[in-house]
């Protein structure tokens, strides 16, 4: 694997910010977007269960309808691309079996040999369900994917804006998720910043490393 210099990594992370104004005339090239979609596919999750759906909203008319459901934030319409991050509710045995079948398809072997792993996963899911935290646990996995998406985008010079300030129920309605096992968690426009977005040059406000990092 080829590695990048640490200076390049930090430069990209300093460059990244929650873009408030996108240039609607600048589009992400197809090959670049394909890489970002693959970054989503490669996102890690607990047990590798991938309890999510990433909805790329291409239809301009639909994206315009999402602006009011985003409290008027026009990034969802102006950015080159829009990804809606949804999570899978009520994970069950059938979903675990689907995941294990995919594992055998990719890695080979016999699904029967994974019975111990299967029981462990189902036990963890059922334990979380009994405590009423199953969906909370799975929704947190989506934030891992969102973070990976934003970091990957920054490394290749694509701007993003993570957005939780949205009407998730309205998003579900407009995206056809109502009544399904999926529900909207966040949205993330991606594209290129407008030259007059004043926030692009604003220094990052972060606590000192000594305040938030502890070595034991």
C-alpha atoms as a PDB file:
ATOM      1  CA  UNK A   1       0.000   0.000   0.000  1.00  0.00           C
ATOM      2  CA  UNK A   2       1.254   3.458  -0.881  1.00  0.00           C
ATOM      3  CA  UNK A   3       1.076   5.907   1.998  1.00  0.00           C
ATOM      4  CA  UNK A   4       0.746   9.676   1.961  1.00  0.00           C
ATOM      5  CA  UNK A   5       2.924  12.048   3.993  1.00  0.00           C
ATOM      6  CA  UNK A   6       1.475  13.082   7.346  1.00  0.00           C
ATOM      7  CA  UNK A   7       1.738  16.685   6.181  1.00  0.00           C
ATOM      8  CA  UNK A   8      -0.632  15.915   3.292  1.00  0.00           C
ATOM      9  CA  UNK A   9      -3.140  14.322   5.649  1.00  0.00           C
ATOM     10  CA  UNK A  10      -3.128  17.270   8.040  1.00  0.00           C
ATOM     11  CA  UNK A  11      -3.274  19.771   5.187  1.00  0.00           C
ATOM     12  CA  UNK A  12      -6.448  18.092   3.894  1.00  0.00           C
ATOM     13  CA  UNK A  13      -8.053  18.042   7.337  1.00  0.00           C
ATOM     14  CA  UNK A  14      -7.236  21.694   7.937  1.00  0.00           C
ATOM     15  CA  UNK A  15      -8.611  22.528   4.488  1.00  0.00           C
ATOM     16  CA  UNK A  16     -11.882  20.705   5.158  1.00  0.00           C
ATOM     17  CA  UNK A  17     -14.759  22.616   6.698  1.00  0.00           C
ATOM     18  CA  UNK A  18     -18.539  22.370   6.763  1.00  0.00           C
ATOM     19  CA  UNK A  19     -19.153  24.133   3.467  1.00  0.00           C
ATOM     20  CA  UNK A  20     -21.938  26.669   3.766  1.00  0.00           C
ATOM     21  CA  UNK A  21     -22.057  27.719   0.116  1.00  0.00           C
ATOM     22  CA  UNK A  22     -21.355  25.446  -2.844  1.00  0.00           C
ATOM     23  CA  UNK A  23     -20.629  26.490  -6.411  1.00  0.00           C
ATOM     24  CA  UNK A  24     -23.590  24.997  -8.326  1.00  0.00           C
ATOM     25  CA  UNK A  25     -21.679  25.174 -11.619  1.00  0.00           C
ATOM     26  CA  UNK A  26     -18.871  22.858 -10.502  1.00  0.00           C
ATOM     27  CA  UNK A  27     -19.537  19.136 -10.704  1.00  0.00           C
ATOM     28  CA  UNK A  28     -17.552  16.260  -9.243  1.00  0.00           C
ATOM     29  CA  UNK A  29     -16.008  14.188 -12.078  1.00  0.00           C
ATOM     30  CA  UNK A  30     -17.453  10.714 -12.503  1.00  0.00           C
ATOM     31  CA  UNK A  31     -14.266   8.870 -11.563  1.00  0.00           C
ATOM     32  CA  UNK A  32     -13.874  10.983  -8.420  1.00  0.00           C
ATOM     33  CA  UNK A  33     -17.435  10.329  -7.356  1.00  0.00           C
ATOM     34  CA  UNK A  34     -17.030   6.615  -8.007  1.00  0.00           C
ATOM     35  CA  UNK A  35     -14.094   6.593  -5.585  1.00  0.00           C
ATOM     36  CA  UNK A  36     -16.175   8.340  -2.940  1.00  0.00           C
ATOM     37  CA  UNK A  37     -18.983   5.822  -3.356  1.00  0.00           C
ATOM     38  CA  UNK A  38     -16.424   3.050  -2.909  1.00  0.00           C
ATOM     39  CA  UNK A  39     -15.220   4.795   0.257  1.00  0.00           C
ATOM     40  CA  UNK A  40     -18.777   4.510   1.555  1.00  0.00           C
ATOM     41  CA  UNK A  41     -18.923   0.817   0.684  1.00  0.00           C
ATOM     42  CA  UNK A  42     -15.623   0.259   2.506  1.00  0.00           C
ATOM     43  CA  UNK A  43     -16.778   1.948   5.726  1.00  0.00           C
ATOM     44  CA  UNK A  44     -16.260  -0.133   8.888  1.00  0.00           C
ATOM     45  CA  UNK A  45     -19.116  -1.110  11.188  1.00  0.00           C
ATOM     46  CA  UNK A  46     -19.681  -3.202  14.294  1.00  0.00           C
ATOM     47  CA  UNK A  47     -19.401  -6.903  13.360  1.00  0.00           C
ATOM     48  CA  UNK A  48     -19.190  -5.664   9.763  1.00  0.00           C
ATOM     49  CA  UNK A  49     -23.008  -5.695   9.603  1.00  0.00           C
ATOM     50  CA  UNK A  50     -23.301  -2.466   7.586  1.00  0.00           C
ATOM     51  CA  UNK A  51     -26.696  -1.381   8.967  1.00  0.00           C
ATOM     52  CA  UNK A  52     -27.148   1.423   6.487  1.00  0.00           C
ATOM     53  CA  UNK A  53     -28.256   2.709   3.148  1.00  0.00           C
ATOM     54  CA  UNK A  54     -26.582   5.575   1.287  1.00  0.00           C
ATOM     55  CA  UNK A  55     -29.031   7.366  -0.977  1.00  0.00           C
ATOM     56  CA  UNK A  56     -27.453   9.512  -3.679  1.00  0.00           C
ATOM     57  CA  UNK A  57     -30.098  12.013  -4.721  1.00  0.00           C
ATOM     58  CA  UNK A  58     -29.491  12.919  -8.361  1.00  0.00           C
ATOM     59  CA  UNK A  59     -32.905  14.376  -9.282  1.00  0.00           C
ATOM     60  CA  UNK A  60     -32.711  18.218  -9.102  1.00  0.00           C
ATOM     61  CA  UNK A  61     -36.459  18.505  -8.513  1.00  0.00           C
ATOM     62  CA  UNK A  62     -36.294  16.126  -5.572  1.00  0.00           C
ATOM     63  CA  UNK A  63     -33.305  17.941  -4.140  1.00  0.00           C
ATOM     64  CA  UNK A  64     -35.234  21.215  -4.370  1.00  0.00           C
ATOM     65  CA  UNK A  65     -38.031  19.628  -2.335  1.00  0.00           C
ATOM     66  CA  UNK A  66     -35.494  18.644   0.302  1.00  0.00           C
ATOM     67  CA  UNK A  67     -34.445  22.267   0.905  1.00  0.00           C
ATOM     68  CA  UNK A  68     -37.522  23.102   3.043  1.00  0.00           C
ATOM     69  CA  UNK A  69     -36.985  19.810   4.887  1.00  0.00           C
ATOM     70  CA  UNK A  70     -33.433  21.017   5.579  1.00  0.00           C
ATOM     71  CA  UNK A  71     -34.615  24.199   7.276  1.00  0.00           C
ATOM     72  CA  UNK A  72     -33.831  26.202   4.157  1.00  0.00           C
ATOM     73  CA  UNK A  73     -30.208  25.110   3.854  1.00  0.00           C
ATOM     74  CA  UNK A  74     -29.603  25.339   0.121  1.00  0.00           C
ATOM     75  CA  UNK A  75     -26.471  23.201   0.108  1.00  0.00           C
ATOM     76  CA  UNK A  76     -28.649  20.143  -0.556  1.00  0.00           C
ATOM     77  CA  UNK A  77     -29.703  21.662  -3.886  1.00  0.00           C
ATOM     78  CA  UNK A  78     -26.563  23.596  -4.870  1.00  0.00           C
ATOM     79  CA  UNK A  79     -23.869  20.979  -4.247  1.00  0.00           C
ATOM     80  CA  UNK A  80     -22.725  18.694  -7.030  1.00  0.00           C
ATOM     81  CA  UNK A  81     -23.941  15.595  -5.180  1.00  0.00           C
ATOM     82  CA  UNK A  82     -26.105  14.819  -2.174  1.00  0.00           C
ATOM     83  CA  UNK A  83     -25.853  11.704  -0.027  1.00  0.00           C
ATOM     84  CA  UNK A  84     -28.531  10.879   2.514  1.00  0.00           C
ATOM     85  CA  UNK A  85     -27.362   8.552   5.278  1.00  0.00           C
ATOM     86  CA  UNK A  86     -30.044   6.186   6.556  1.00  0.00           C
ATOM     87  CA  UNK A  87     -29.748   3.386   9.077  1.00  0.00           C
ATOM     88  CA  UNK A  88     -31.376  -0.025   9.226  1.00  0.00           C
ATOM     89  CA  UNK A  89     -33.813  -0.376  12.112  1.00  0.00           C
ATOM     90  CA  UNK A  90     -34.644  -3.532  14.054  1.00  0.00           C
ATOM     91  CA  UNK A  91     -31.763  -5.723  12.914  1.00  0.00           C
ATOM     92  CA  UNK A  92     -32.858  -9.342  13.201  1.00  0.00           C
ATOM     93  CA  UNK A  93     -31.704 -12.898  12.608  1.00  0.00           C
ATOM     94  CA  UNK A  94     -32.623 -12.718   8.929  1.00  0.00           C
ATOM     95  CA  UNK A  95     -30.305  -9.746   8.463  1.00  0.00           C
ATOM     96  CA  UNK A  96     -27.445 -11.549  10.231  1.00  0.00           C
ATOM     97  CA  UNK A  97     -27.973 -14.569   7.989  1.00  0.00           C
ATOM     98  CA  UNK A  98     -27.919 -12.328   4.918  1.00  0.00           C
ATOM     99  CA  UNK A  99     -24.601 -10.877   6.076  1.00  0.00           C
ATOM    100  CA  UNK A 100     -23.098 -14.319   6.709  1.00  0.00           C
ATOM    101  CA  UNK A 101     -24.241 -15.540   3.288  1.00  0.00           C
ATOM    102  CA  UNK A 102     -22.426 -12.587   1.755  1.00  0.00           C
ATOM    103  CA  UNK A 103     -19.321 -13.408   3.792  1.00  0.00           C
ATOM    104  CA  UNK A 104     -19.288 -16.954   2.439  1.00  0.00           C
ATOM    105  CA  UNK A 105     -19.848 -15.603  -1.083  1.00  0.00           C
ATOM    106  CA  UNK A 106     -16.834 -13.299  -0.786  1.00  0.00           C
ATOM    107  CA  UNK A 107     -14.448 -15.401   1.319  1.00  0.00           C
ATOM    108  CA  UNK A 108     -15.619 -18.909   0.605  1.00  0.00           C
ATOM    109  CA  UNK A 109     -16.097 -21.630   3.179  1.00  0.00           C
ATOM    110  CA  UNK A 110     -19.202 -23.104   4.770  1.00  0.00           C
ATOM    111  CA  UNK A 111     -21.790 -20.994   6.554  1.00  0.00           C
ATOM    112  CA  UNK A 112     -22.169 -23.780   9.116  1.00  0.00           C
ATOM    113  CA  UNK A 113     -18.615 -23.088  10.274  1.00  0.00           C
ATOM    114  CA  UNK A 114     -19.735 -19.579  11.229  1.00  0.00           C
ATOM    115  CA  UNK A 115     -22.429 -20.759  13.628  1.00  0.00           C
ATOM    116  CA  UNK A 116     -20.529 -19.633  16.711  1.00  0.00           C
ATOM    117  CA  UNK A 117     -20.003 -16.180  15.221  1.00  0.00           C
ATOM    118  CA  UNK A 118     -23.675 -16.098  14.239  1.00  0.00           C
ATOM    119  CA  UNK A 119     -24.811 -16.880  17.771  1.00  0.00           C
ATOM    120  CA  UNK A 120     -22.509 -14.193  19.187  1.00  0.00           C
ATOM    121  CA  UNK A 121     -23.870 -11.531  16.833  1.00  0.00           C
ATOM    122  CA  UNK A 122     -27.493 -12.473  17.428  1.00  0.00           C
ATOM    123  CA  UNK A 123     -26.889 -12.506  21.178  1.00  0.00           C
ATOM    124  CA  UNK A 124     -25.408  -9.010  21.051  1.00  0.00           C
ATOM    125  CA  UNK A 125     -28.282  -7.693  18.947  1.00  0.00           C
ATOM    126  CA  UNK A 126     -30.921  -9.266  21.148  1.00  0.00           C
ATOM    127  CA  UNK A 127     -29.201  -7.966  24.269  1.00  0.00           C
ATOM    128  CA  UNK A 128     -29.250  -4.439  22.838  1.00  0.00           C
ATOM    129  CA  UNK A 129     -32.886  -4.878  21.793  1.00  0.00           C
ATOM    130  CA  UNK A 130     -33.838  -5.938  25.333  1.00  0.00           C
ATOM    131  CA  UNK A 131     -32.191  -2.788  26.697  1.00  0.00           C
ATOM    132  CA  UNK A 132     -33.994  -0.647  24.132  1.00  0.00           C
ATOM    133  CA  UNK A 133     -30.757   0.551  22.523  1.00  0.00           C
ATOM    134  CA  UNK A 134     -30.537  -1.557  19.383  1.00  0.00           C
ATOM    135  CA  UNK A 135     -31.446   1.237  16.967  1.00  0.00           C
ATOM    136  CA  UNK A 136     -29.245   3.712  18.841  1.00  0.00           C
ATOM    137  CA  UNK A 137     -26.300   1.335  18.501  1.00  0.00           C
ATOM    138  CA  UNK A 138     -26.893   0.830  14.802  1.00  0.00           C
ATOM    139  CA  UNK A 139     -27.439   4.525  14.101  1.00  0.00           C
ATOM    140  CA  UNK A 140     -24.012   5.222  15.571  1.00  0.00           C
ATOM    141  CA  UNK A 141     -22.447   3.009  12.933  1.00  0.00           C
ATOM    142  CA  UNK A 142     -23.664   5.422  10.261  1.00  0.00           C
ATOM    143  CA  UNK A 143     -21.613   8.228  11.774  1.00  0.00           C
ATOM    144  CA  UNK A 144     -18.511   6.129  11.190  1.00  0.00           C
ATOM    145  CA  UNK A 145     -19.404   5.986   7.490  1.00  0.00           C
ATOM    146  CA  UNK A 146     -20.157   9.715   7.436  1.00  0.00           C
ATOM    147  CA  UNK A 147     -16.769  10.503   8.963  1.00  0.00           C
ATOM    148  CA  UNK A 148     -14.984   8.227   6.507  1.00  0.00           C
ATOM    149  CA  UNK A 149     -16.821   9.848   3.606  1.00  0.00           C
ATOM    150  CA  UNK A 150     -15.864  13.373   4.684  1.00  0.00           C
ATOM    151  CA  UNK A 151     -12.220  12.465   5.316  1.00  0.00           C
ATOM    152  CA  UNK A 152     -11.950  10.665   1.976  1.00  0.00           C
ATOM    153  CA  UNK A 153     -13.511  13.647   0.223  1.00  0.00           C
ATOM    154  CA  UNK A 154     -11.089  16.072   1.849  1.00  0.00           C
ATOM    155  CA  UNK A 155      -8.108  13.977   0.792  1.00  0.00           C
ATOM    156  CA  UNK A 156      -9.121  14.296  -2.863  1.00  0.00           C
ATOM    157  CA  UNK A 157     -10.167  17.941  -2.706  1.00  0.00           C
ATOM    158  CA  UNK A 158     -13.942  17.585  -2.488  1.00  0.00           C
ATOM    159  CA  UNK A 159     -15.936  19.733  -0.076  1.00  0.00           C
ATOM    160  CA  UNK A 160     -18.681  18.366   2.164  1.00  0.00           C
ATOM    161  CA  UNK A 161     -21.195  19.593   4.717  1.00  0.00           C
ATOM    162  CA  UNK A 162     -22.557  17.110   7.262  1.00  0.00           C
ATOM    163  CA  UNK A 163     -26.138  18.025   8.148  1.00  0.00           C
ATOM    164  CA  UNK A 164     -28.251  16.768  11.014  1.00  0.00           C
ATOM    165  CA  UNK A 165     -30.396  19.906  10.926  1.00  0.00           C
ATOM    166  CA  UNK A 166     -33.023  18.271   8.767  1.00  0.00           C
ATOM    167  CA  UNK A 167     -36.573  16.994   9.124  1.00  0.00           C
ATOM    168  CA  UNK A 168     -35.816  13.278   9.036  1.00  0.00           C
ATOM    169  CA  UNK A 169     -39.486  12.285   8.799  1.00  0.00           C
ATOM    170  CA  UNK A 170     -39.977  14.524   5.762  1.00  0.00           C
ATOM    171  CA  UNK A 171     -36.814  13.152   4.188  1.00  0.00           C
ATOM    172  CA  UNK A 172     -38.172   9.639   4.723  1.00  0.00           C
ATOM    173  CA  UNK A 173     -41.407  10.630   3.030  1.00  0.00           C
ATOM    174  CA  UNK A 174     -39.729  12.255   0.032  1.00  0.00           C
ATOM    175  CA  UNK A 175     -37.184   9.464  -0.403  1.00  0.00           C
ATOM    176  CA  UNK A 176     -39.679   6.630  -0.091  1.00  0.00           C
ATOM    177  CA  UNK A 177     -38.298   5.344   3.201  1.00  0.00           C
ATOM    178  CA  UNK A 178     -41.497   5.730   5.225  1.00  0.00           C
ATOM    179  CA  UNK A 179     -42.786   2.315   6.209  1.00  0.00           C
ATOM    180  CA  UNK A 180     -39.497   0.577   5.411  1.00  0.00           C
ATOM    181  CA  UNK A 181     -36.757  -0.712   7.686  1.00  0.00           C
ATOM    182  CA  UNK A 182     -34.649   2.374   6.969  1.00  0.00           C
ATOM    183  CA  UNK A 183     -34.853   5.900   8.316  1.00  0.00           C
ATOM    184  CA  UNK A 184     -32.892   9.072   7.591  1.00  0.00           C
ATOM    185  CA  UNK A 185     -30.143  10.043  10.009  1.00  0.00           C
ATOM    186  CA  UNK A 186     -28.167  12.772   8.244  1.00  0.00           C
ATOM    187  CA  UNK A 187     -27.448  14.322   4.873  1.00  0.00           C
ATOM    188  CA  UNK A 188     -24.133  15.317   3.351  1.00  0.00           C
ATOM    189  CA  UNK A 189     -23.883  17.530   0.270  1.00  0.00           C
ATOM    190  CA  UNK A 190     -20.590  17.218  -1.603  1.00  0.00           C
ATOM    191  CA  UNK A 191     -19.030  19.383  -4.263  1.00  0.00           C
ATOM    192  CA  UNK A 192     -16.844  22.472  -4.451  1.00  0.00           C
ATOM    193  CA  UNK A 193     -16.994  25.579  -2.300  1.00  0.00           C
ATOM    194  CA  UNK A 194     -18.113  28.888  -3.745  1.00  0.00           C
ATOM    195  CA  UNK A 195     -15.376  31.507  -3.941  1.00  0.00           C
ATOM    196  CA  UNK A 196     -17.410  33.876  -1.773  1.00  0.00           C
ATOM    197  CA  UNK A 197     -18.093  31.453   1.078  1.00  0.00           C
ATOM    198  CA  UNK A 198     -16.631  33.471   3.932  1.00  0.00           C
ATOM    199  CA  UNK A 199     -16.341  30.415   6.150  1.00  0.00           C
ATOM    200  CA  UNK A 200     -13.761  28.803   3.877  1.00  0.00           C
ATOM    201  CA  UNK A 201     -10.949  31.006   5.192  1.00  0.00           C
ATOM    202  CA  UNK A 202     -12.105  31.172   8.805  1.00  0.00           C
ATOM    203  CA  UNK A 203      -9.613  29.626  11.253  1.00  0.00           C
ATOM    204  CA  UNK A 204     -10.776  26.397  12.868  1.00  0.00           C
ATOM    205  CA  UNK A 205     -11.862  26.805  16.477  1.00  0.00           C
ATOM    206  CA  UNK A 206     -10.590  23.796  18.367  1.00  0.00           C
ATOM    207  CA  UNK A 207      -9.546  23.227  21.954  1.00  0.00           C
ATOM    208  CA  UNK A 208      -5.838  22.714  22.488  1.00  0.00           C
ATOM    209  CA  UNK A 209      -4.685  19.112  22.131  1.00  0.00           C
ATOM    210  CA  UNK A 210      -3.533  19.192  25.749  1.00  0.00           C
ATOM    211  CA  UNK A 211      -7.143  19.739  26.840  1.00  0.00           C
ATOM    212  CA  UNK A 212      -8.739  16.915  24.882  1.00  0.00           C
ATOM    213  CA  UNK A 213      -6.015  14.274  24.528  1.00  0.00           C
ATOM    214  CA  UNK A 214      -4.849  12.392  27.594  1.00  0.00           C
ATOM    215  CA  UNK A 215      -1.904  10.004  27.723  1.00  0.00           C
ATOM    216  CA  UNK A 216      -1.988   7.404  30.490  1.00  0.00           C
END
